[in-house]
Amino acid sequence: METTIILNSLLALGRCPNQDLDVDNTDVMDIVRRYTNLLDKLTESISLKSAYSLLDIIPLDKFYNVQWEIFSKIKPSP
Protein backbone atom coordinates (compact mmCIF):
# COMPACT_ATOMS: atom_id res chain seq x y z
CA MET A 1 0.00 0.00 0.00
CA GLU A 2 1.33 3.45 -0.86
CA THR A 3 2.62 5.56 2.03
CA THR A 4 0.29 8.48 1.25
CA ILE A 5 -2.77 6.20 1.32
CA ILE A 6 -1.66 4.70 4.64
CA LEU A 7 -1.06 8.11 6.18
CA ASN A 8 -4.43 9.38 4.95
CA SER A 9 -6.12 6.28 6.38
CA LEU A 10 -4.45 6.87 9.76
CA LEU A 11 -5.47 10.51 9.74
CA ALA A 12 -9.03 9.51 8.84
CA LEU A 13 -9.13 7.37 11.99
CA GLY A 14 -8.28 10.49 13.95
CA ARG A 15 -6.58 10.79 17.31
CA CYS A 16 -6.25 7.52 19.19
CA PRO A 17 -8.64 7.46 22.14
CA ASN A 18 -7.15 7.24 25.61
CA GLN A 19 -6.90 3.79 27.11
CA ASP A 20 -9.53 3.09 29.75
CA LEU A 21 -9.32 -0.39 31.17
CA ASP A 22 -12.66 0.01 32.92
CA VAL A 23 -14.64 0.31 29.69
CA ASP A 24 -12.40 -1.45 27.18
CA ASN A 25 -14.05 -4.19 25.20
CA THR A 26 -13.88 -5.98 21.85
CA ASP A 27 -14.73 -2.78 19.97
CA VAL A 28 -11.73 -1.01 21.48
CA MET A 29 -9.44 -3.87 20.54
CA ASP A 30 -10.75 -3.62 16.98
CA ILE A 31 -9.74 0.04 16.93
CA VAL A 32 -6.28 -0.90 18.24
CA ARG A 33 -5.93 -3.44 15.41
CA ARG A 34 -6.96 -0.87 12.80
CA TYR A 35 -4.21 1.52 13.90
CA THR A 36 -1.54 -1.16 14.28
CA ASN A 37 -2.35 -2.82 10.95
CA LEU A 38 -1.92 0.48 9.14
CA LEU A 39 1.22 1.39 11.08
CA ASP A 40 2.74 -2.02 10.27
CA LYS A 41 2.30 -1.23 6.57
CA LEU A 42 4.41 1.92 6.89
CA THR A 43 7.77 0.46 5.91
CA GLU A 44 9.24 3.37 3.96
CA SER A 45 10.73 6.50 5.46
CA ILE A 46 8.23 9.30 5.77
CA SER A 47 8.74 12.99 5.16
CA LEU A 48 8.99 15.54 7.93
CA LYS A 49 5.57 16.90 6.93
CA SER A 50 4.08 13.40 7.22
CA ALA A 51 5.76 12.93 10.58
CA TYR A 52 4.11 16.12 11.84
CA SER A 53 0.75 14.87 10.62
CA LEU A 54 1.22 11.64 12.59
CA LEU A 55 1.61 13.71 15.75
CA ASP A 56 -2.09 14.60 15.37
CA ILE A 57 -3.17 11.01 15.99
CA ILE A 58 -1.07 10.34 19.10
CA PRO A 59 -3.36 9.77 22.08
CA LEU A 60 -3.34 12.42 24.79
CA ASP A 61 -2.48 9.76 27.38
CA LYS A 62 -1.84 6.19 26.23
CA PHE A 63 -3.54 3.64 24.03
CA TYR A 64 -2.22 0.06 24.18
CA ASN A 65 1.27 1.16 23.16
CA VAL A 66 0.00 2.43 19.80
CA GLN A 67 1.68 5.74 20.70
CA TRP A 68 5.07 3.97 20.63
CA GLU A 69 4.25 2.42 17.26
CA ILE A 70 3.58 5.93 15.96
CA PHE A 71 6.79 7.31 17.44
CA SER A 72 8.76 4.45 15.88
CA LYS A 73 7.68 5.63 12.41
CA ILE A 74 9.05 9.11 13.05
CA LYS A 75 12.78 8.71 12.58
CA PRO A 76 15.35 11.34 11.69
CA SER A 77 16.75 11.19 8.18
CA PRO A 78 20.39 10.16 7.84
PDB file of N, CA and C in Angstrom:
ATOM      1  N   MET A   1       0.860  -1.178   0.000  1.00  0.00           N
ATOM      2  CA  MET A   1       0.000   0.000   0.000  1.00  0.00           C
ATOM      3  C   MET A   1       0.906   1.242   0.000  1.00  0.00           C
ATOM      4  N   GLU A   2       0.536   2.226  -0.745  1.00  0.00           N
ATOM      5  CA  GLU A   2       1.333   3.447  -0.863  1.00  0.00           C
ATOM      6  C   GLU A   2       1.319   4.238   0.452  1.00  0.00           C
ATOM      7  N   THR A   3       2.455   4.820   0.777  1.00  0.00           N
ATOM      8  CA  THR A   3       2.619   5.559   2.029  1.00  0.00           C
ATOM      9  C   THR A   3       1.564   6.642   2.204  1.00  0.00           C
ATOM     10  N   THR A   4       1.274   7.391   1.150  1.00  0.00           N
ATOM     11  CA  THR A   4       0.286   8.475   1.247  1.00  0.00           C
ATOM     12  C   THR A   4      -1.086   7.923   1.605  1.00  0.00           C
ATOM     13  N   ILE A   5      -1.463   6.813   1.025  1.00  0.00           N
ATOM     14  CA  ILE A   5      -2.766   6.202   1.319  1.00  0.00           C
ATOM     15  C   ILE A   5      -2.812   5.746   2.777  1.00  0.00           C
ATOM     16  N   ILE A   6      -1.718   5.156   3.248  1.00  0.00           N
ATOM     17  CA  ILE A   6      -1.662   4.697   4.639  1.00  0.00           C
ATOM     18  C   ILE A   6      -1.779   5.882   5.591  1.00  0.00           C
ATOM     19  N   LEU A   7      -1.007   6.923   5.324  1.00  0.00           N
ATOM     20  CA  LEU A   7      -1.058   8.112   6.184  1.00  0.00           C
ATOM     21  C   LEU A   7      -2.449   8.732   6.191  1.00  0.00           C
ATOM     22  N   ASN A   8      -3.073   8.824   5.019  1.00  0.00           N
ATOM     23  CA  ASN A   8      -4.429   9.377   4.948  1.00  0.00           C
ATOM     24  C   ASN A   8      -5.425   8.507   5.705  1.00  0.00           C
ATOM     25  N   SER A   9      -5.247   7.203   5.645  1.00  0.00           N
ATOM     26  CA  SER A   9      -6.124   6.283   6.382  1.00  0.00           C
ATOM     27  C   SER A   9      -5.952   6.464   7.886  1.00  0.00           C
ATOM     28  N   LEU A  10      -4.709   6.636   8.332  1.00  0.00           N
ATOM     29  CA  LEU A  10      -4.454   6.872   9.756  1.00  0.00           C
ATOM     30  C   LEU A  10      -5.075   8.189  10.201  1.00  0.00           C
ATOM     31  N   LEU A  11      -4.897   9.211   9.388  1.00  0.00           N
ATOM     32  CA  LEU A  11      -5.468  10.514   9.737  1.00  0.00           C
ATOM     33  C   LEU A  11      -6.990  10.460   9.750  1.00  0.00           C
ATOM     34  N   ALA A  12      -7.574   9.651   8.876  1.00  0.00           N
ATOM     35  CA  ALA A  12      -9.029   9.510   8.843  1.00  0.00           C
ATOM     36  C   ALA A  12      -9.550   8.847  10.124  1.00  0.00           C
ATOM     37  N   LEU A  13      -8.733   7.971  10.711  1.00  0.00           N
ATOM     38  CA  LEU A  13      -9.128   7.365  11.986  1.00  0.00           C
ATOM     39  C   LEU A  13      -9.142   8.407  13.103  1.00  0.00           C
ATOM     40  N   GLY A  14      -8.336   9.435  12.949  1.00  0.00           N
ATOM     41  CA  GLY A  14      -8.281  10.494  13.953  1.00  0.00           C
ATOM     42  C   GLY A  14      -7.383  10.135  15.117  1.00  0.00           C
ATOM     43  N   ARG A  15      -7.403  11.002  16.120  1.00  0.00           N
ATOM     44  CA  ARG A  15      -6.576  10.790  17.306  1.00  0.00           C
ATOM     45  C   ARG A  15      -6.969   9.500  18.008  1.00  0.00           C
ATOM     46  N   CYS A  16      -5.980   8.737  18.427  1.00  0.00           N
ATOM     47  CA  CYS A  16      -6.254   7.517  19.193  1.00  0.00           C
ATOM     48  C   CYS A  16      -6.968   7.903  20.486  1.00  0.00           C
ATOM     49  N   PRO A  17      -7.985   7.160  20.853  1.00  0.00           N
ATOM     50  CA  PRO A  17      -8.635   7.456  22.139  1.00  0.00           C
ATOM     51  C   PRO A  17      -7.689   7.098  23.283  1.00  0.00           C
ATOM     52  N   ASN A  18      -7.947   7.614  24.452  1.00  0.00           N
ATOM     53  CA  ASN A  18      -7.149   7.237  25.613  1.00  0.00           C
ATOM     54  C   ASN A  18      -7.579   5.862  26.102  1.00  0.00           C
ATOM     55  N   GLN A  19      -6.632   5.121  26.584  1.00  0.00           N
ATOM     56  CA  GLN A  19      -6.897   3.788  27.109  1.00  0.00           C
ATOM     57  C   GLN A  19      -7.682   3.905  28.400  1.00  0.00           C
ATOM     58  N   ASP A  20      -8.728   3.105  28.539  1.00  0.00           N
ATOM     59  CA  ASP A  20      -9.535   3.093  29.753  1.00  0.00           C
ATOM     60  C   ASP A  20      -9.891   1.642  30.042  1.00  0.00           C
ATOM     61  N   LEU A  21      -9.135   1.036  30.908  1.00  0.00           N
ATOM     62  CA  LEU A  21      -9.316  -0.391  31.168  1.00  0.00           C
ATOM     63  C   LEU A  21     -10.675  -0.723  31.760  1.00  0.00           C
ATOM     64  N   ASP A  22     -11.351   0.268  32.325  1.00  0.00           N
ATOM     65  CA  ASP A  22     -12.663   0.009  32.920  1.00  0.00           C
ATOM     66  C   ASP A  22     -13.761  -0.168  31.879  1.00  0.00           C
ATOM     67  N   VAL A  23     -13.593   0.410  30.703  1.00  0.00           N
ATOM     68  CA  VAL A  23     -14.642   0.314  29.690  1.00  0.00           C
ATOM     69  C   VAL A  23     -14.146  -0.350  28.396  1.00  0.00           C
ATOM     70  N   ASP A  24     -12.927  -0.832  28.388  1.00  0.00           N
ATOM     71  CA  ASP A  24     -12.404  -1.449  27.177  1.00  0.00           C
ATOM     72  C   ASP A  24     -13.110  -2.764  26.892  1.00  0.00           C
ATOM     73  N   ASN A  25     -13.343  -2.991  25.612  1.00  0.00           N
ATOM     74  CA  ASN A  25     -14.046  -4.194  25.195  1.00  0.00           C
ATOM     75  C   ASN A  25     -13.556  -4.608  23.811  1.00  0.00           C
ATOM     76  N   THR A  26     -14.265  -5.488  23.167  1.00  0.00           N
ATOM     77  CA  THR A  26     -13.881  -5.977  21.851  1.00  0.00           C
ATOM     78  C   THR A  26     -13.822  -4.856  20.826  1.00  0.00           C
ATOM     79  N   ASP A  27     -14.736  -3.896  20.908  1.00  0.00           N
ATOM     80  CA  ASP A  27     -14.734  -2.776  19.967  1.00  0.00           C
ATOM     81  C   ASP A  27     -13.444  -1.972  20.064  1.00  0.00           C
ATOM     82  N   VAL A  28     -12.962  -1.754  21.272  1.00  0.00           N
ATOM     83  CA  VAL A  28     -11.730  -1.007  21.476  1.00  0.00           C
ATOM     84  C   VAL A  28     -10.556  -1.774  20.883  1.00  0.00           C
ATOM     85  N   MET A  29     -10.532  -3.064  21.085  1.00  0.00           N
ATOM     86  CA  MET A  29      -9.437  -3.871  20.543  1.00  0.00           C
ATOM     87  C   MET A  29      -9.467  -3.868  19.009  1.00  0.00           C
ATOM     88  N   ASP A  30     -10.644  -3.755  18.434  1.00  0.00           N
ATOM     89  CA  ASP A  30     -10.750  -3.625  16.975  1.00  0.00           C
ATOM     90  C   ASP A  30     -10.122  -2.315  16.514  1.00  0.00           C
ATOM     91  N   ILE A  31     -10.345  -1.256  17.267  1.00  0.00           N
ATOM     92  CA  ILE A  31      -9.741   0.039  16.935  1.00  0.00           C
ATOM     93  C   ILE A  31      -8.218  -0.055  17.040  1.00  0.00           C
ATOM     94  N   VAL A  32      -7.727  -0.703  18.085  1.00  0.00           N
ATOM     95  CA  VAL A  32      -6.279  -0.899  18.237  1.00  0.00           C
ATOM     96  C   VAL A  32      -5.727  -1.615  17.014  1.00  0.00           C
ATOM     97  N   ARG A  33      -6.386  -2.670  16.585  1.00  0.00           N
ATOM     98  CA  ARG A  33      -5.934  -3.435  15.406  1.00  0.00           C
ATOM     99  C   ARG A  33      -5.934  -2.589  14.141  1.00  0.00           C
ATOM    100  N   ARG A  34      -6.913  -1.717  13.995  1.00  0.00           N
ATOM    101  CA  ARG A  34      -6.965  -0.866  12.799  1.00  0.00           C
ATOM    102  C   ARG A  34      -5.742   0.049  12.740  1.00  0.00           C
ATOM    103  N   TYR A  35      -5.398   0.658  13.862  1.00  0.00           N
ATOM    104  CA  TYR A  35      -4.206   1.515  13.900  1.00  0.00           C
ATOM    105  C   TYR A  35      -2.939   0.699  13.659  1.00  0.00           C
ATOM    106  N   THR A  36      -2.791  -0.396  14.390  1.00  0.00           N
ATOM    107  CA  THR A  36      -1.538  -1.158  14.282  1.00  0.00           C
ATOM    108  C   THR A  36      -1.375  -1.794  12.911  1.00  0.00           C
ATOM    109  N   ASN A  37      -2.461  -2.249  12.302  1.00  0.00           N
ATOM    110  CA  ASN A  37      -2.353  -2.818  10.951  1.00  0.00           C
ATOM    111  C   ASN A  37      -1.853  -1.782   9.949  1.00  0.00           C
ATOM    112  N   LEU A  38      -2.378  -0.578  10.041  1.00  0.00           N
ATOM    113  CA  LEU A  38      -1.921   0.481   9.140  1.00  0.00           C
ATOM    114  C   LEU A  38      -0.479   0.879   9.443  1.00  0.00           C
ATOM    115  N   LEU A  39      -0.140   1.015  10.719  1.00  0.00           N
ATOM    116  CA  LEU A  39       1.222   1.390  11.082  1.00  0.00           C
ATOM    117  C   LEU A  39       2.234   0.329  10.642  1.00  0.00           C
ATOM    118  N   ASP A  40       1.849  -0.934  10.715  1.00  0.00           N
ATOM    119  CA  ASP A  40       2.737  -2.016  10.271  1.00  0.00           C
ATOM    120  C   ASP A  40       3.027  -1.936   8.773  1.00  0.00           C
ATOM    121  N   LYS A  41       2.111  -1.356   8.023  1.00  0.00           N
ATOM    122  CA  LYS A  41       2.300  -1.232   6.574  1.00  0.00           C
ATOM    123  C   LYS A  41       3.219  -0.073   6.198  1.00  0.00           C
ATOM    124  N   LEU A  42       3.502   0.805   7.151  1.00  0.00           N
ATOM    125  CA  LEU A  42       4.415   1.921   6.892  1.00  0.00           C
ATOM    126  C   LEU A  42       5.856   1.416   7.004  1.00  0.00           C
ATOM    127  N   THR A  43       6.421   1.005   5.894  1.00  0.00           N
ATOM    128  CA  THR A  43       7.768   0.461   5.913  1.00  0.00           C
ATOM    129  C   THR A  43       8.788   1.420   5.332  1.00  0.00           C
ATOM    130  N   GLU A  44       8.334   2.393   4.559  1.00  0.00           N
ATOM    131  CA  GLU A  44       9.241   3.369   3.960  1.00  0.00           C
ATOM    132  C   GLU A  44       9.429   4.545   4.906  1.00  0.00           C
ATOM    133  N   SER A  45      10.526   5.274   4.706  1.00  0.00           N
ATOM    134  CA  SER A  45      10.734   6.503   5.463  1.00  0.00           C
ATOM    135  C   SER A  45       9.644   7.493   5.080  1.00  0.00           C
ATOM    136  N   ILE A  46       9.255   8.304   6.042  1.00  0.00           N
ATOM    137  CA  ILE A  46       8.229   9.301   5.766  1.00  0.00           C
ATOM    138  C   ILE A  46       8.855  10.690   5.848  1.00  0.00           C
ATOM    139  N   SER A  47       8.233  11.615   5.187  1.00  0.00           N
ATOM    140  CA  SER A  47       8.737  12.993   5.155  1.00  0.00           C
ATOM    141  C   SER A  47       8.500  13.665   6.503  1.00  0.00           C
ATOM    142  N   LEU A  48       9.171  14.776   6.707  1.00  0.00           N
ATOM    143  CA  LEU A  48       8.990  15.544   7.928  1.00  0.00           C
ATOM    144  C   LEU A  48       7.546  16.031   8.052  1.00  0.00           C
ATOM    145  N   LYS A  49       6.974  16.445   6.933  1.00  0.00           N
ATOM    146  CA  LYS A  49       5.574  16.899   6.927  1.00  0.00           C
ATOM    147  C   LYS A  49       4.644  15.755   7.346  1.00  0.00           C
ATOM    148  N   SER A  50       4.894  14.557   6.840  1.00  0.00           N
ATOM    149  CA  SER A  50       4.084  13.397   7.221  1.00  0.00           C
ATOM    150  C   SER A  50       4.264  13.064   8.694  1.00  0.00           C
ATOM    151  N   ALA A  51       5.487  13.197   9.162  1.00  0.00           N
ATOM    152  CA  ALA A  51       5.762  12.929  10.575  1.00  0.00           C
ATOM    153  C   ALA A  51       4.957  13.879  11.456  1.00  0.00           C
ATOM    154  N   TYR A  52       4.908  15.153  11.073  1.00  0.00           N
ATOM    155  CA  TYR A  52       4.114  16.115  11.838  1.00  0.00           C
ATOM    156  C   TYR A  52       2.638  15.745  11.809  1.00  0.00           C
ATOM    157  N   SER A  53       2.159  15.242  10.683  1.00  0.00           N
ATOM    158  CA  SER A  53       0.746  14.871  10.619  1.00  0.00           C
ATOM    159  C   SER A  53       0.449  13.685  11.527  1.00  0.00           C
ATOM    160  N   LEU A  54       1.424  12.772  11.689  1.00  0.00           N
ATOM    161  CA  LEU A  54       1.217  11.638  12.594  1.00  0.00           C
ATOM    162  C   LEU A  54       1.097  12.086  14.047  1.00  0.00           C
ATOM    163  N   LEU A  55       1.712  13.203  14.379  1.00  0.00           N
ATOM    164  CA  LEU A  55       1.605  13.707  15.752  1.00  0.00           C
ATOM    165  C   LEU A  55       0.154  13.998  16.124  1.00  0.00           C
ATOM    166  N   ASP A  56      -0.678  14.301  15.119  1.00  0.00           N
ATOM    167  CA  ASP A  56      -2.088  14.604  15.369  1.00  0.00           C
ATOM    168  C   ASP A  56      -2.903  13.390  15.812  1.00  0.00           C
ATOM    169  N   ILE A  57      -2.379  12.181  15.601  1.00  0.00           N
ATOM    170  CA  ILE A  57      -3.168  11.009  15.990  1.00  0.00           C
ATOM    171  C   ILE A  57      -2.668  10.358  17.279  1.00  0.00           C
ATOM    172  N   ILE A  58      -1.589  10.896  17.846  1.00  0.00           N
ATOM    173  CA  ILE A  58      -1.072  10.337  19.098  1.00  0.00           C
ATOM    174  C   ILE A  58      -2.087  10.589  20.201  1.00  0.00           C
ATOM    175  N   PRO A  59      -2.383   9.563  21.002  1.00  0.00           N
ATOM    176  CA  PRO A  59      -3.355   9.772  22.084  1.00  0.00           C
ATOM    177  C   PRO A  59      -2.833  10.771  23.108  1.00  0.00           C
ATOM    178  N   LEU A  60      -3.740  11.442  23.786  1.00  0.00           N
ATOM    179  CA  LEU A  60      -3.340  12.415  24.792  1.00  0.00           C
ATOM    180  C   LEU A  60      -2.694  11.735  25.995  1.00  0.00           C
ATOM    181  N   ASP A  61      -3.055  10.501  26.254  1.00  0.00           N
ATOM    182  CA  ASP A  61      -2.481   9.762  27.379  1.00  0.00           C
ATOM    183  C   ASP A  61      -1.758   8.538  26.835  1.00  0.00           C
ATOM    184  N   LYS A  62      -2.425   7.421  26.780  1.00  0.00           N
ATOM    185  CA  LYS A  62      -1.841   6.191  26.229  1.00  0.00           C
ATOM    186  C   LYS A  62      -2.947   5.354  25.620  1.00  0.00           C
ATOM    187  N   PHE A  63      -2.555   4.474  24.708  1.00  0.00           N
ATOM    188  CA  PHE A  63      -3.542   3.639  24.031  1.00  0.00           C
ATOM    189  C   PHE A  63      -2.878   2.352  23.567  1.00  0.00           C
ATOM    190  N   TYR A  64      -2.756   1.397  24.466  1.00  0.00           N
ATOM    191  CA  TYR A  64      -2.224   0.060  24.175  1.00  0.00           C
ATOM    192  C   TYR A  64      -0.915   0.090  23.405  1.00  0.00           C
ATOM    193  N   ASN A  65      -0.047   1.000  23.769  1.00  0.00           N
ATOM    194  CA  ASN A  65       1.272   1.155  23.158  1.00  0.00           C
ATOM    195  C   ASN A  65       1.243   1.581  21.700  1.00  0.00           C
ATOM    196  N   VAL A  66       0.073   1.932  21.177  1.00  0.00           N
ATOM    197  CA  VAL A  66       0.004   2.432  19.800  1.00  0.00           C
ATOM    198  C   VAL A  66       0.832   3.708  19.679  1.00  0.00           C
ATOM    199  N   GLN A  67       0.882   4.505  20.752  1.00  0.00           N
ATOM    200  CA  GLN A  67       1.679   5.735  20.701  1.00  0.00           C
ATOM    201  C   GLN A  67       3.145   5.427  20.398  1.00  0.00           C
ATOM    202  N   TRP A  68       3.663   4.325  20.903  1.00  0.00           N
ATOM    203  CA  TRP A  68       5.069   3.968  20.635  1.00  0.00           C
ATOM    204  C   TRP A  68       5.239   3.481  19.205  1.00  0.00           C
ATOM    205  N   GLU A  69       4.219   2.826  18.672  1.00  0.00           N
ATOM    206  CA  GLU A  69       4.253   2.422  17.258  1.00  0.00           C
ATOM    207  C   GLU A  69       4.338   3.662  16.369  1.00  0.00           C
ATOM    208  N   ILE A  70       3.567   4.681  16.729  1.00  0.00           N
ATOM    209  CA  ILE A  70       3.579   5.928  15.957  1.00  0.00           C
ATOM    210  C   ILE A  70       4.959   6.582  16.051  1.00  0.00           C
ATOM    211  N   PHE A  71       5.475   6.692  17.267  1.00  0.00           N
ATOM    212  CA  PHE A  71       6.794   7.310  17.444  1.00  0.00           C
ATOM    213  C   PHE A  71       7.871   6.562  16.672  1.00  0.00           C
ATOM    214  N   SER A  72       7.743   5.235  16.577  1.00  0.00           N
ATOM    215  CA  SER A  72       8.763   4.450  15.878  1.00  0.00           C
ATOM    216  C   SER A  72       8.796   4.756  14.378  1.00  0.00           C
ATOM    217  N   LYS A  73       7.721   5.286  13.847  1.00  0.00           N
ATOM    218  CA  LYS A  73       7.679   5.629  12.410  1.00  0.00           C
ATOM    219  C   LYS A  73       8.281   6.994  12.144  1.00  0.00           C
ATOM    220  N   ILE A  74       8.485   7.769  13.199  1.00  0.00           N
ATOM    221  CA  ILE A  74       9.053   9.108  13.051  1.00  0.00           C
ATOM    222  C   ILE A  74      10.531   9.026  13.409  1.00  0.00           C
ATOM    223  N   LYS A  75      11.341   8.853  12.389  1.00  0.00           N
ATOM    224  CA  LYS A  75      12.778   8.710  12.582  1.00  0.00           C
ATOM    225  C   LYS A  75      13.494   9.825  11.844  1.00  0.00           C
ATOM    226  N   PRO A  76      14.586  10.317  12.408  1.00  0.00           N
ATOM    227  CA  PRO A  76      15.345  11.343  11.692  1.00  0.00           C
ATOM    228  C   PRO A  76      15.988  10.781  10.432  1.00  0.00           C
ATOM    229  N   SER A  77      16.094  11.605   9.421  1.00  0.00           N
ATOM    230  CA  SER A  77      16.746  11.194   8.181  1.00  0.00           C
ATOM    231  C   SER A  77      18.259  11.149   8.402  1.00  0.00           C
ATOM    232  N   PRO A  78      18.919  10.219   7.708  1.00  0.00           N
ATOM    233  CA  PRO A  78      20.390  10.159   7.843  1.00  0.00           C
ATOM    234  C   PRO A  78      21.056  11.363   7.211  1.00  0.00           C
TER     235      PRO A  78
END
